[in-house]
Amino acid sequence: MFIVAVKSGTNGYYDYDNCDMVIAEIPSNNIPRIGEILEFGNAENRNRKQYLVREVKRVFNHKTDKQDFGEWTYVYVINA
């Protein structure tokens, strides 16, 4: 799984707490590469929107007595 998001402070989006705007959580291990275009729409193919991949970031938590190992992949995009 990977998370598609707009990074706070980019593409006209800003959050006071510096939180990213999540567009989608994709249940796939096929991680897009920088420079690829992602296209989202609904079942009727209306209101399709394209995004350009600008950054791929992987985040890991170390396993400790208080937390399990964690892994997240963020795919940061801007409007294409």
N, C-alpha and C. Protein backbone atom coordinates (compact mmCIF):
# COMPACT_ATOMS: atom_id res chain seq x y z
N MET A 1 0.83 -1.17 0.00
CA MET A 1 0.00 0.00 0.00
C MET A 1 0.89 1.24 0.00
N PHE A 2 0.41 2.30 -0.67
CA PHE A 2 1.10 3.57 -0.60
C PHE A 2 0.08 4.70 -0.51
N ILE A 3 0.53 5.82 -0.01
CA ILE A 3 -0.33 6.98 0.21
C ILE A 3 0.05 8.05 -0.79
N VAL A 4 -0.95 8.57 -1.52
CA VAL A 4 -0.75 9.66 -2.46
C VAL A 4 -1.17 10.94 -1.74
N ALA A 5 -0.27 11.93 -1.72
CA ALA A 5 -0.56 13.15 -0.96
C ALA A 5 0.08 14.37 -1.60
N VAL A 6 -0.47 15.54 -1.26
CA VAL A 6 0.13 16.82 -1.61
C VAL A 6 0.82 17.31 -0.35
N LYS A 7 2.09 17.60 -0.45
CA LYS A 7 2.88 18.05 0.69
C LYS A 7 2.47 19.47 1.07
N SER A 8 2.30 19.70 2.36
CA SER A 8 1.95 21.04 2.83
C SER A 8 3.02 22.03 2.39
N GLY A 9 2.58 23.15 1.84
CA GLY A 9 3.50 24.17 1.36
C GLY A 9 3.81 24.06 -0.12
N THR A 10 3.20 23.08 -0.80
CA THR A 10 3.42 22.94 -2.25
C THR A 10 2.09 22.97 -2.98
N ASN A 11 2.15 23.31 -4.25
CA ASN A 11 1.01 23.24 -5.16
C ASN A 11 -0.19 24.07 -4.67
N GLY A 12 0.07 25.16 -3.94
CA GLY A 12 -1.01 26.01 -3.44
C GLY A 12 -1.70 25.49 -2.21
N TYR A 13 -1.23 24.39 -1.64
CA TYR A 13 -1.84 23.83 -0.42
C TYR A 13 -0.96 24.15 0.78
N TYR A 14 -1.57 24.62 1.85
CA TYR A 14 -0.82 24.89 3.08
C TYR A 14 -1.69 24.52 4.27
N ASP A 15 -1.11 23.81 5.22
CA ASP A 15 -1.78 23.45 6.46
C ASP A 15 -0.98 24.03 7.61
N TYR A 16 -1.65 24.70 8.53
CA TYR A 16 -0.98 25.36 9.65
C TYR A 16 -0.19 24.39 10.53
N ASP A 17 -0.63 23.14 10.60
CA ASP A 17 0.08 22.12 11.39
C ASP A 17 1.08 21.35 10.54
N ASN A 18 1.28 21.79 9.29
CA ASN A 18 2.21 21.15 8.36
C ASN A 18 1.80 19.72 7.99
N CYS A 19 0.48 19.45 8.04
CA CYS A 19 -0.03 18.13 7.65
C CYS A 19 -0.21 18.08 6.14
N ASP A 20 0.08 16.93 5.56
CA ASP A 20 -0.10 16.73 4.14
C ASP A 20 -1.57 16.48 3.82
N MET A 21 -1.99 16.79 2.59
CA MET A 21 -3.36 16.52 2.14
C MET A 21 -3.36 15.17 1.43
N VAL A 22 -3.94 14.17 2.06
CA VAL A 22 -3.99 12.82 1.48
C VAL A 22 -5.06 12.79 0.40
N ILE A 23 -4.67 12.34 -0.79
CA ILE A 23 -5.59 12.22 -1.92
C ILE A 23 -6.17 10.81 -1.97
N ALA A 24 -5.32 9.81 -1.73
CA ALA A 24 -5.78 8.41 -1.81
C ALA A 24 -4.80 7.50 -1.09
N GLU A 25 -5.32 6.38 -0.62
CA GLU A 25 -4.49 5.27 -0.13
C GLU A 25 -4.69 4.14 -1.12
N ILE A 26 -3.62 3.77 -1.82
CA ILE A 26 -3.70 2.80 -2.91
C ILE A 26 -3.24 1.43 -2.41
N PRO A 27 -4.10 0.40 -2.50
CA PRO A 27 -3.74 -0.94 -2.03
C PRO A 27 -2.91 -1.70 -3.06
N SER A 28 -1.71 -1.18 -3.34
CA SER A 28 -0.83 -1.80 -4.33
C SER A 28 0.61 -1.64 -3.88
N ASN A 29 1.46 -2.56 -4.28
CA ASN A 29 2.90 -2.45 -4.01
C ASN A 29 3.65 -1.93 -5.23
N ASN A 30 2.92 -1.55 -6.28
CA ASN A 30 3.51 -1.02 -7.50
C ASN A 30 3.68 0.50 -7.32
N ILE A 31 4.77 0.89 -6.68
CA ILE A 31 5.01 2.29 -6.31
C ILE A 31 5.37 3.10 -7.56
N PRO A 32 4.67 4.21 -7.81
CA PRO A 32 5.01 5.05 -8.96
C PRO A 32 6.39 5.68 -8.78
N ARG A 33 6.99 6.05 -9.92
CA ARG A 33 8.30 6.70 -9.89
C ARG A 33 8.14 8.20 -10.11
N ILE A 34 9.15 8.94 -9.71
CA ILE A 34 9.17 10.38 -9.93
C ILE A 34 9.04 10.65 -11.43
N GLY A 35 8.18 11.59 -11.79
CA GLY A 35 7.95 11.94 -13.18
C GLY A 35 6.74 11.27 -13.81
N GLU A 36 6.20 10.23 -13.16
CA GLU A 36 5.02 9.56 -13.69
C GLU A 36 3.77 10.39 -13.41
N ILE A 37 2.75 10.16 -14.23
CA ILE A 37 1.45 10.82 -14.05
C ILE A 37 0.47 9.82 -13.44
N LEU A 38 -0.21 10.23 -12.38
CA LEU A 38 -1.27 9.42 -11.78
C LEU A 38 -2.59 10.08 -12.15
N GLU A 39 -3.57 9.28 -12.54
CA GLU A 39 -4.87 9.83 -12.92
C GLU A 39 -5.95 9.20 -12.06
N PHE A 40 -6.79 10.03 -11.47
CA PHE A 40 -7.88 9.56 -10.61
C PHE A 40 -9.20 10.03 -11.19
N GLY A 41 -10.24 9.23 -11.05
CA GLY A 41 -11.58 9.59 -11.49
C GLY A 41 -12.60 8.72 -10.78
N ASN A 42 -13.85 8.85 -11.19
CA ASN A 42 -14.89 8.03 -10.58
C ASN A 42 -15.31 6.93 -11.56
N ALA A 43 -16.29 6.12 -11.19
CA ALA A 43 -16.69 4.97 -12.00
C ALA A 43 -17.22 5.36 -13.37
N GLU A 44 -17.79 6.55 -13.50
CA GLU A 44 -18.35 6.99 -14.77
C GLU A 44 -17.31 7.74 -15.61
N ASN A 45 -16.04 7.76 -15.17
CA ASN A 45 -14.95 8.44 -15.87
C ASN A 45 -15.19 9.94 -16.01
N ARG A 46 -15.90 10.51 -15.08
CA ARG A 46 -16.09 11.96 -15.05
C ARG A 46 -15.15 12.57 -14.04
N ASN A 47 -14.87 13.83 -14.23
CA ASN A 47 -14.05 14.58 -13.27
C ASN A 47 -12.68 13.93 -13.04
N ARG A 48 -12.07 13.45 -14.10
CA ARG A 48 -10.74 12.84 -13.97
C ARG A 48 -9.72 13.93 -13.69
N LYS A 49 -8.76 13.62 -12.83
CA LYS A 49 -7.73 14.58 -12.47
C LYS A 49 -6.37 13.91 -12.53
N GLN A 50 -5.39 14.63 -13.07
CA GLN A 50 -4.05 14.07 -13.20
C GLN A 50 -3.10 14.76 -12.22
N TYR A 51 -2.16 13.96 -11.71
CA TYR A 51 -1.15 14.45 -10.77
C TYR A 51 0.22 13.98 -11.23
N LEU A 52 1.22 14.81 -11.06
CA LEU A 52 2.60 14.49 -11.40
C LEU A 52 3.33 14.09 -10.13
N VAL A 53 3.99 12.93 -10.16
CA VAL A 53 4.76 12.45 -8.99
C VAL A 53 6.05 13.26 -8.90
N ARG A 54 6.26 13.91 -7.73
CA ARG A 54 7.44 14.74 -7.52
C ARG A 54 8.43 14.14 -6.52
N GLU A 55 7.92 13.31 -5.62
CA GLU A 55 8.79 12.76 -4.57
C GLU A 55 8.19 11.45 -4.05
N VAL A 56 9.05 10.50 -3.73
CA VAL A 56 8.64 9.25 -3.08
C VAL A 56 9.41 9.17 -1.77
N LYS A 57 8.68 9.01 -0.67
CA LYS A 57 9.31 9.00 0.66
C LYS A 57 8.85 7.75 1.41
N ARG A 58 9.82 7.04 1.98
CA ARG A 58 9.51 5.86 2.79
C ARG A 58 9.82 6.18 4.25
N VAL A 59 8.88 5.85 5.11
CA VAL A 59 9.01 6.14 6.54
C VAL A 59 8.96 4.82 7.30
N PHE A 60 9.88 4.65 8.25
CA PHE A 60 9.96 3.42 9.04
C PHE A 60 9.98 3.74 10.52
N ASN A 61 9.34 2.90 11.32
CA ASN A 61 9.45 2.93 12.78
C ASN A 61 10.28 1.73 13.20
N HIS A 62 11.22 1.96 14.11
CA HIS A 62 11.97 0.84 14.69
C HIS A 62 11.07 0.08 15.65
N LYS A 63 11.25 -1.22 15.71
CA LYS A 63 10.52 -2.04 16.67
C LYS A 63 11.13 -1.82 18.06
N THR A 64 10.29 -1.53 19.02
CA THR A 64 10.71 -1.36 20.41
C THR A 64 9.73 -2.11 21.29
N ASP A 65 9.95 -2.03 22.60
CA ASP A 65 9.01 -2.65 23.54
C ASP A 65 7.64 -1.98 23.48
N LYS A 66 7.58 -0.73 23.06
CA LYS A 66 6.33 0.03 23.06
C LYS A 66 5.66 0.12 21.69
N GLN A 67 6.36 -0.24 20.62
CA GLN A 67 5.76 -0.14 19.28
C GLN A 67 6.28 -1.24 18.37
N ASP A 68 5.44 -1.65 17.43
CA ASP A 68 5.82 -2.62 16.41
C ASP A 68 6.56 -1.91 15.28
N PHE A 69 7.23 -2.69 14.46
CA PHE A 69 7.85 -2.14 13.26
C PHE A 69 6.75 -1.56 12.38
N GLY A 70 7.00 -0.41 11.78
CA GLY A 70 6.03 0.21 10.89
C GLY A 70 6.71 0.69 9.63
N GLU A 71 5.99 0.64 8.52
CA GLU A 71 6.52 1.08 7.24
C GLU A 71 5.40 1.76 6.45
N TRP A 72 5.69 2.96 5.93
CA TRP A 72 4.73 3.71 5.11
C TRP A 72 5.46 4.28 3.91
N THR A 73 4.78 4.30 2.78
CA THR A 73 5.34 4.89 1.57
C THR A 73 4.42 6.04 1.14
N TYR A 74 4.99 7.23 1.04
CA TYR A 74 4.26 8.42 0.61
C TYR A 74 4.71 8.79 -0.80
N VAL A 75 3.75 9.01 -1.68
CA VAL A 75 4.01 9.46 -3.03
C VAL A 75 3.47 10.89 -3.10
N TYR A 76 4.37 11.87 -3.15
CA TYR A 76 3.97 13.27 -3.17
C TYR A 76 3.77 13.74 -4.60
N VAL A 77 2.65 14.44 -4.82
CA VAL A 77 2.28 14.85 -6.17
C VAL A 77 1.93 16.33 -6.21
N ILE A 78 1.88 16.86 -7.44
CA ILE A 78 1.34 18.18 -7.71
C ILE A 78 0.36 18.02 -8.88
N ASN A 79 -0.49 19.03 -9.10
CA ASN A 79 -1.40 18.98 -10.24
C ASN A 79 -0.58 18.92 -11.54
N ALA A 80 -1.01 18.07 -12.45
CA ALA A 80 -0.32 17.95 -13.74
C ALA A 80 -0.92 18.90 -14.76
